[in-house]
Amino acid sequence: MSEEPEYEALLIDTSIFDGNGLRLEKGLLGKLNQFQRSPVVFLLPDVICGEIKTHLEQKIRASRSALEKSINEAGDHLFFDVSTLNQAKELLLESKEIEGLVETRLNNFIEKTGAVVLECGEHLSVSDLLKKYFSNEAPFSETGKKKNEFPDAIVLMAVDEWAKKSNKSVLAIAKDDDWSRYCESSENIDCIAELSDGLAMFNKANAPYAFLSKLESELDSEEAQSFLDGVASRLATELDGFTPDQDAESYLYWEPEGSNGWFKSFYLTSNELRIIESDEKYIVLECKAAITVEAEGEFSLSVHDSIDRDYVHIDSVTATAEEEFESEILITIVGDLEGPMEELSIEQVEIVSPIKCIHFGTLEPDLGDYE
């Protein structure tokens, strides 16, 4: 059984966006977030960008029209006067212009997926395009309205040239026979029809990035408590019995006589994680954390004897302190990265810049010993 080819870039036709309801933020299209920091290049040609914008505008206009009709029809029963009805319309229908809403959604999609917007004109020969047009070469058909196939031809020829220059293999996903015919003769692009099948092809190579995207999303939505609890447990092990250098203030001469510290709590200062190392069965993530520790320090207090020119021991005291410090932490997670997140386990947490010294405040002798 031959292995599946490995692709270095992904191209998705407008037909796939339409087939998934143009839901850029959820469903299979939402899974494209995994490509943001992946070595796989997610290509979004400017021609397809333009088509998505147009289709989104149509979808939003239709949805807004249907919503306005429903509000008007429900006016007799849900709203008691015209002003309330108008307020509802203003809130639901007039919050943002359609063009602005489309632009915002598409820009957010590009940012979250790390899509590379390809300027087709920079990778396209007009003479080659016209040659294919007049000779009925794919993606142009011998029959039908060939002018409607110009966008497909521009996209495919531009991506083909980009792939050749970049020395990358491209997986195209389209429910379009013309795309399939073109890709059959291309050395750089293969084509399949289902987005789910395409994502599955990238699962092995892209598993760490898919996992990263999912974990960051759960952190953002405050649904990653088990992960945070696991990190806290490992931090407690890492910091159990650590011995920081001792610092303090006192009107007496003091000397450190030993310390002992332990973990109290932590929080992530950013939900943005970074992959340091990964394999099929483990991943090492780096993130920034603020860690709070507590410690107990033993001190010897002395006073200077001006006659003997020596220090005379007065008391031994124990002081406690709490301190917060920030550091990158390395989190090693083991298990099947493609499986359920709850089945993964945190094997180790390493503090990159551990706390070295703790200030124990002002030291004074225990006067009760002398009463």
Protein backbone atom coordinates (compact mmCIF):
# COMPACT_ATOMS: atom_id res chain seq x y z
CA MET A 1 0.00 0.00 0.00
CA SER A 2 1.54 3.30 -1.11
CA GLU A 3 1.82 6.20 1.29
CA GLU A 4 -0.27 9.32 0.81
CA PRO A 5 1.72 12.16 -0.77
CA GLU A 6 2.77 14.96 1.55
CA TYR A 7 1.63 18.42 0.51
CA GLU A 8 3.24 21.69 1.51
CA ALA A 9 0.41 24.04 0.55
CA LEU A 10 -3.39 24.07 0.57
CA LEU A 11 -5.75 25.76 -1.88
CA ILE A 12 -9.54 25.85 -1.37
CA ASP A 13 -12.00 26.82 -4.10
CA THR A 14 -14.91 29.16 -3.49
CA SER A 15 -17.26 26.20 -4.04
CA ILE A 16 -15.99 24.66 -0.80
CA PHE A 17 -16.58 27.88 1.14
CA ASP A 18 -20.11 28.02 -0.27
CA GLY A 19 -20.68 24.33 0.47
CA ASN A 20 -19.82 24.97 4.13
CA GLY A 21 -22.28 27.84 4.36
CA LEU A 22 -19.54 30.51 4.40
CA ARG A 23 -19.26 29.86 8.15
CA LEU A 24 -15.68 31.12 8.43
CA GLU A 25 -15.58 30.88 12.21
CA LYS A 26 -16.93 27.36 12.80
CA GLY A 27 -17.33 23.88 11.38
CA LEU A 28 -14.73 22.60 8.94
CA LEU A 29 -13.76 26.12 7.88
CA GLY A 30 -13.05 26.91 11.54
CA LYS A 31 -10.57 24.00 11.58
CA LEU A 32 -8.37 25.96 9.19
CA ASN A 33 -7.07 27.91 12.20
CA GLN A 34 -4.55 25.09 12.63
CA PHE A 35 -2.57 26.43 9.66
CA GLN A 36 -1.76 29.76 11.33
CA ARG A 37 1.67 28.62 12.55
CA SER A 38 1.91 25.43 10.55
CA PRO A 39 4.68 24.86 7.98
CA VAL A 40 1.86 24.16 5.51
CA VAL A 41 1.02 27.27 3.46
CA PHE A 42 -2.69 28.04 3.26
CA LEU A 43 -3.13 29.91 -0.03
CA LEU A 44 -6.00 32.35 -0.51
CA PRO A 45 -5.73 33.89 -3.99
CA ASP A 46 -7.09 37.41 -4.38
CA VAL A 47 -9.64 36.16 -6.94
CA ILE A 48 -11.12 33.74 -4.41
CA CYS A 49 -11.02 36.48 -1.76
CA GLY A 50 -13.13 38.66 -4.05
CA GLU A 51 -15.62 35.86 -4.69
CA ILE A 52 -15.94 35.12 -0.96
CA LYS A 53 -16.60 38.81 -0.27
CA THR A 54 -19.34 38.92 -2.88
CA HIS A 55 -20.98 35.73 -1.64
CA LEU A 56 -20.76 36.87 2.00
CA GLU A 57 -22.46 40.15 1.13
CA GLN A 58 -25.26 38.22 -0.59
CA LYS A 59 -25.59 35.85 2.39
CA ILE A 60 -25.66 38.71 4.93
CA ARG A 61 -28.19 40.71 2.90
CA ALA A 62 -30.46 37.66 2.62
CA SER A 63 -30.13 36.88 6.34
CA ARG A 64 -30.80 40.49 7.30
CA SER A 65 -33.83 40.68 5.02
CA ALA A 66 -35.27 37.46 6.48
CA LEU A 67 -34.64 38.71 10.00
CA GLU A 68 -36.33 42.04 9.31
CA LYS A 69 -39.33 40.26 7.81
CA SER A 70 -39.60 38.02 10.89
CA ILE A 71 -39.40 41.02 13.22
CA ASN A 72 -42.14 42.83 11.30
CA GLU A 73 -44.37 39.76 11.31
CA ALA A 74 -43.82 39.28 15.05
CA GLY A 75 -44.44 42.95 15.79
CA ASP A 76 -48.07 42.48 16.79
CA HIS A 77 -47.20 39.95 19.49
CA LEU A 78 -43.67 40.70 20.74
CA PHE A 79 -43.63 44.50 20.71
CA PHE A 80 -46.17 46.78 22.35
CA ASP A 81 -45.46 49.99 20.49
CA VAL A 82 -43.69 51.27 17.41
CA SER A 83 -40.71 52.66 19.34
CA THR A 84 -39.89 49.23 20.82
CA LEU A 85 -40.13 47.67 17.39
CA ASN A 86 -37.81 50.31 15.94
CA GLN A 87 -35.32 49.79 18.77
CA ALA A 88 -35.23 46.08 18.03
CA LYS A 89 -34.61 46.75 14.34
CA GLU A 90 -31.86 49.22 15.14
CA LEU A 91 -30.16 46.81 17.51
CA LEU A 92 -30.33 43.77 15.24
CA LEU A 93 -30.21 45.22 11.75
CA GLU A 94 -28.38 48.52 11.75
CA SER A 95 -25.39 47.82 13.98
CA LYS A 96 -22.92 47.63 11.11
CA GLU A 97 -22.83 48.19 7.38
CA ILE A 98 -22.77 44.99 5.35
CA GLU A 99 -19.53 45.89 3.57
CA GLY A 100 -17.82 46.61 6.89
CA LEU A 101 -19.08 43.38 8.42
CA VAL A 102 -17.83 41.34 5.45
CA GLU A 103 -14.43 43.02 5.58
CA THR A 104 -14.12 42.39 9.31
CA ARG A 105 -15.08 38.71 9.07
CA LEU A 106 -12.75 38.02 6.15
CA ASN A 107 -9.82 39.87 7.73
CA ASN A 108 -10.33 37.95 10.98
CA PHE A 109 -10.40 34.69 9.01
CA ILE A 110 -7.15 35.55 7.23
CA GLU A 111 -5.48 36.49 10.51
CA LYS A 112 -6.62 33.41 12.44
CA THR A 113 -5.69 30.96 9.67
CA GLY A 114 -2.45 32.66 8.67
CA ALA A 115 -3.64 32.57 5.06
CA VAL A 116 -1.25 33.88 2.41
CA VAL A 117 -3.22 36.16 0.10
CA LEU A 118 -1.75 35.45 -3.34
CA GLU A 119 -1.78 38.27 -5.88
CA CYS A 120 -2.59 36.26 -8.98
CA GLY A 121 -1.43 38.98 -11.36
CA GLU A 122 2.12 38.59 -10.08
CA HIS A 123 2.22 34.91 -11.08
CA LEU A 124 0.20 34.86 -14.29
CA SER A 125 1.06 35.14 -17.97
CA VAL A 126 -1.83 36.68 -19.91
CA SER A 127 -0.59 35.13 -23.14
CA ASP A 128 -0.63 31.65 -21.56
CA LEU A 129 -4.11 32.33 -20.21
CA LEU A 130 -5.43 33.31 -23.63
CA LYS A 131 -3.70 30.35 -25.23
CA LYS A 132 -5.60 27.98 -22.96
CA TYR A 133 -8.81 29.88 -23.61
CA PHE A 134 -8.65 29.63 -27.39
CA SER A 135 -7.43 26.02 -27.41
CA ASN A 136 -10.12 24.92 -24.91
CA GLU A 137 -7.51 23.58 -22.46
CA ALA A 138 -8.54 22.91 -18.86
CA PRO A 139 -9.98 24.57 -16.91
CA PHE A 140 -11.72 25.96 -20.03
CA SER A 141 -14.38 23.72 -21.58
CA GLU A 142 -15.16 23.20 -25.22
CA THR A 143 -18.80 24.09 -24.61
CA GLY A 144 -20.68 26.41 -22.30
CA LYS A 145 -19.90 29.96 -21.23
CA LYS A 146 -16.13 29.88 -21.24
CA LYS A 147 -15.87 33.43 -19.91
CA ASN A 148 -17.28 32.16 -16.59
CA GLU A 149 -14.23 29.94 -16.27
CA PHE A 150 -11.73 32.80 -16.35
CA PRO A 151 -11.57 33.15 -12.52
CA ASP A 152 -10.78 29.42 -12.16
CA ALA A 153 -8.14 29.61 -14.87
CA ILE A 154 -6.51 32.67 -13.31
CA VAL A 155 -6.38 31.04 -9.86
CA LEU A 156 -5.08 27.67 -11.02
CA MET A 157 -2.45 29.01 -13.39
CA ALA A 158 -1.20 31.55 -10.83
CA VAL A 159 -0.99 28.92 -8.08
CA ASP A 160 0.71 26.49 -10.47
CA GLU A 161 3.38 29.07 -11.24
CA TRP A 162 3.77 29.97 -7.54
CA ALA A 163 4.19 26.28 -6.70
CA LYS A 164 6.81 25.85 -9.41
CA LYS A 165 8.81 28.86 -8.20
CA SER A 166 8.43 27.89 -4.52
CA ASN A 167 9.14 24.20 -5.17
CA LYS A 168 6.04 23.22 -3.21
CA SER A 169 3.34 20.66 -3.85
CA VAL A 170 -0.23 21.93 -3.52
CA LEU A 171 -3.41 20.12 -2.55
CA ALA A 172 -6.43 21.84 -4.09
CA ILE A 173 -9.93 21.18 -2.80
CA ALA A 174 -12.82 21.91 -5.14
CA LYS A 175 -16.12 20.41 -6.21
CA ASP A 176 -15.47 21.42 -9.78
CA ASP A 177 -14.73 19.13 -12.73
CA ASP A 178 -12.74 21.87 -14.46
CA TRP A 179 -10.37 22.07 -11.49
CA SER A 180 -9.97 18.28 -11.55
CA ARG A 181 -9.18 18.27 -15.28
CA TYR A 182 -6.59 21.02 -14.88
CA CYS A 183 -4.87 19.30 -11.95
CA GLU A 184 -4.63 16.00 -13.82
CA SER A 185 -2.09 17.62 -16.15
CA SER A 186 -0.34 19.71 -13.48
CA GLU A 187 2.92 18.53 -11.90
CA ASN A 188 2.42 20.78 -8.87
CA ILE A 189 -1.28 20.57 -7.92
CA ASP A 190 -3.50 17.61 -7.02
CA CYS A 191 -7.23 18.03 -6.53
CA ILE A 192 -9.83 16.35 -4.32
CA ALA A 193 -13.48 17.19 -3.68
CA GLU A 194 -13.98 17.01 0.11
CA LEU A 195 -12.54 19.43 2.67
CA SER A 196 -12.72 16.81 5.43
CA ASP A 197 -10.58 14.44 3.35
CA GLY A 198 -8.10 17.24 2.72
CA LEU A 199 -7.78 18.11 6.38
CA ALA A 200 -7.27 14.42 7.18
CA MET A 201 -4.30 14.35 4.82
CA PHE A 202 -2.63 17.08 6.84
CA ASN A 203 -3.50 15.54 10.22
CA LYS A 204 -0.23 13.73 10.83
CA ALA A 205 2.10 16.59 9.90
CA ASN A 206 -0.25 19.21 11.24
CA ALA A 207 -1.38 17.46 14.43
CA PRO A 208 0.78 19.62 16.76
CA TYR A 209 -0.59 22.82 15.21
CA ALA A 210 -4.17 21.58 15.27
CA PHE A 211 -3.68 20.69 18.93
CA LEU A 212 -2.13 24.09 19.61
CA SER A 213 -5.03 25.91 17.98
CA LYS A 214 -7.58 23.86 19.95
CA LEU A 215 -5.80 24.40 23.27
CA GLU A 216 -5.47 28.17 22.72
CA SER A 217 -9.15 28.33 21.82
CA GLU A 218 -10.09 26.51 25.05
CA LEU A 219 -7.87 28.83 27.07
CA ASP A 220 -9.54 31.86 25.49
CA SER A 221 -13.00 30.49 26.29
CA GLU A 222 -11.95 29.45 29.82
CA GLU A 223 -12.64 25.78 29.09
CA ALA A 224 -9.12 24.45 29.78
CA GLN A 225 -9.30 24.07 33.55
CA SER A 226 -8.08 20.45 33.53
CA PHE A 227 -5.02 21.53 31.54
CA LEU A 228 -4.32 24.39 33.96
CA ASP A 229 -4.79 22.08 36.94
CA GLY A 230 -2.29 19.67 35.40
CA VAL A 231 0.26 22.45 34.94
CA ALA A 232 -0.29 23.59 38.54
CA SER A 233 0.29 20.04 39.81
CA ARG A 234 3.59 19.78 37.93
CA LEU A 235 4.68 23.23 39.10
CA ALA A 236 4.01 22.14 42.66
CA THR A 237 6.33 19.16 42.12
CA GLU A 238 8.96 21.31 40.41
CA LEU A 239 9.03 23.88 43.21
CA ASP A 240 8.60 21.56 46.18
CA GLY A 241 11.38 22.32 48.67
CA PHE A 242 13.30 24.78 46.49
CA THR A 243 15.89 26.84 48.41
CA PRO A 244 16.01 30.49 47.35
CA ASP A 245 18.71 32.92 48.39
CA GLN A 246 17.59 34.97 51.38
CA ASP A 247 17.31 38.74 51.51
CA ALA A 248 15.92 40.91 54.33
CA GLU A 249 16.16 44.20 56.22
CA SER A 250 16.98 44.75 59.91
CA TYR A 251 18.59 47.23 62.26
CA LEU A 252 20.56 44.21 63.50
CA TYR A 253 23.21 42.25 61.72
CA TRP A 254 21.62 39.16 60.16
CA GLU A 255 22.84 36.00 58.53
CA PRO A 256 20.84 33.45 56.51
CA GLU A 257 20.59 29.99 58.03
CA GLY A 258 18.56 28.19 55.37
CA SER A 259 15.31 28.46 53.47
CA ASN A 260 12.56 26.29 52.10
CA GLY A 261 9.98 27.24 49.47
CA TRP A 262 6.89 25.82 47.81
CA PHE A 263 4.42 26.56 45.02
CA LYS A 264 1.21 28.46 45.74
CA SER A 265 -0.48 29.40 42.44
CA PHE A 266 0.05 30.53 38.86
CA TYR A 267 -1.71 32.05 35.86
CA LEU A 268 -0.78 32.40 32.21
CA THR A 269 0.07 35.98 31.27
CA SER A 270 -0.82 35.18 27.66
CA ASN A 271 -2.84 32.41 26.02
CA GLU A 272 -0.47 32.41 23.05
CA LEU A 273 1.60 29.22 23.07
CA ARG A 274 4.63 28.19 21.02
CA ILE A 275 5.70 24.75 19.86
CA ILE A 276 9.29 23.99 20.88
CA GLU A 277 9.42 20.31 19.95
CA SER A 278 6.95 17.66 18.85
CA ASP A 279 6.60 14.07 17.73
CA GLU A 280 3.68 11.70 17.16
CA LYS A 281 3.32 11.00 20.88
CA TYR A 282 4.39 14.20 22.62
CA ILE A 283 4.63 17.95 22.28
CA VAL A 284 6.62 20.58 24.19
CA LEU A 285 4.92 23.98 24.47
CA GLU A 286 6.35 27.26 25.69
CA CYS A 287 4.19 29.89 27.35
CA LYS A 288 4.58 32.79 29.76
CA ALA A 289 3.35 32.48 33.32
CA ALA A 290 3.21 34.46 36.54
CA ILE A 291 4.02 32.09 39.40
CA THR A 292 3.42 32.77 43.10
CA VAL A 293 5.54 30.97 45.68
CA GLU A 294 5.75 30.97 49.45
CA ALA A 295 8.91 30.40 51.45
CA GLU A 296 10.18 30.13 54.99
CA GLY A 297 13.61 31.41 55.97
CA GLU A 298 15.75 30.96 59.07
CA PHE A 299 17.88 33.92 60.17
CA SER A 300 20.43 34.58 62.90
CA LEU A 301 20.35 38.06 64.44
CA SER A 302 23.41 39.64 66.07
CA VAL A 303 24.55 42.97 67.45
CA HIS A 304 28.01 44.44 67.15
CA ASP A 305 29.96 44.70 70.42
CA SER A 306 32.10 47.82 70.11
CA ILE A 307 34.35 46.74 73.02
CA ASP A 308 35.11 43.21 71.87
CA ARG A 309 34.74 44.25 68.25
CA ASP A 310 32.73 41.15 67.58
CA TYR A 311 29.13 40.20 66.85
CA VAL A 312 27.04 38.87 69.71
CA HIS A 313 24.19 36.50 68.83
CA ILE A 314 20.82 37.80 70.04
CA ASP A 315 18.16 35.60 68.49
CA SER A 316 17.21 33.21 65.73
CA VAL A 317 14.01 34.01 63.85
CA THR A 318 11.88 32.39 61.21
CA ALA A 319 10.24 34.57 58.57
CA THR A 320 7.77 33.72 55.84
CA ALA A 321 7.19 35.50 52.57
CA GLU A 322 5.12 35.30 49.42
CA GLU A 323 6.45 36.45 46.06
CA GLU A 324 5.35 36.42 42.43
CA PHE A 325 7.73 36.12 39.50
CA GLU A 326 7.31 35.75 35.75
CA SER A 327 8.98 33.16 33.56
CA GLU A 328 8.55 31.16 30.40
CA ILE A 329 7.59 27.59 31.21
CA LEU A 330 8.07 24.49 29.04
CA ILE A 331 5.14 22.07 29.21
CA THR A 332 5.68 18.50 27.99
CA ILE A 333 2.40 16.83 27.00
CA VAL A 334 2.31 13.13 26.07
CA GLY A 335 -0.30 11.05 24.28
CA ASP A 336 -2.08 10.96 20.93
CA LEU A 337 -2.31 14.59 19.81
CA GLU A 338 -5.10 13.66 17.38
CA GLY A 339 -7.16 12.02 20.14
CA PRO A 340 -9.36 13.55 22.86
CA MET A 341 -7.58 16.25 24.87
CA GLU A 342 -8.68 14.73 28.19
CA GLU A 343 -6.68 11.58 27.40
CA LEU A 344 -3.41 13.53 27.19
CA SER A 345 -1.23 13.95 30.26
CA ILE A 346 1.24 16.61 31.34
CA GLU A 347 4.50 14.81 31.99
CA GLN A 348 6.72 17.72 32.99
CA VAL A 349 6.74 21.48 33.50
CA GLU A 350 10.10 23.23 33.46
CA ILE A 351 10.56 26.79 34.67
CA VAL A 352 12.97 28.54 32.31
CA SER A 353 13.88 31.42 34.66
CA PRO A 354 13.20 30.21 38.22
CA ILE A 355 13.17 32.64 41.12
CA LYS A 356 16.61 32.90 42.73
CA CYS A 357 16.09 35.15 45.73
CA ILE A 358 13.23 36.05 48.07
CA HIS A 359 13.00 39.12 50.26
CA PHE A 360 11.67 38.19 53.73
CA GLY A 361 10.87 41.71 54.90
CA THR A 362 12.09 43.36 58.11
CA LEU A 363 13.64 41.08 60.73
CA GLU A 364 13.28 41.75 64.47
CA PRO A 365 14.09 39.64 67.50
CA ASP A 366 11.23 37.86 69.26
CA LEU A 367 10.86 40.08 72.31
CA GLY A 368 8.77 37.42 73.99
CA ASP A 369 11.97 35.47 74.64
CA TYR A 370 13.22 38.25 76.90
CA GLU A 371 10.10 39.04 78.89
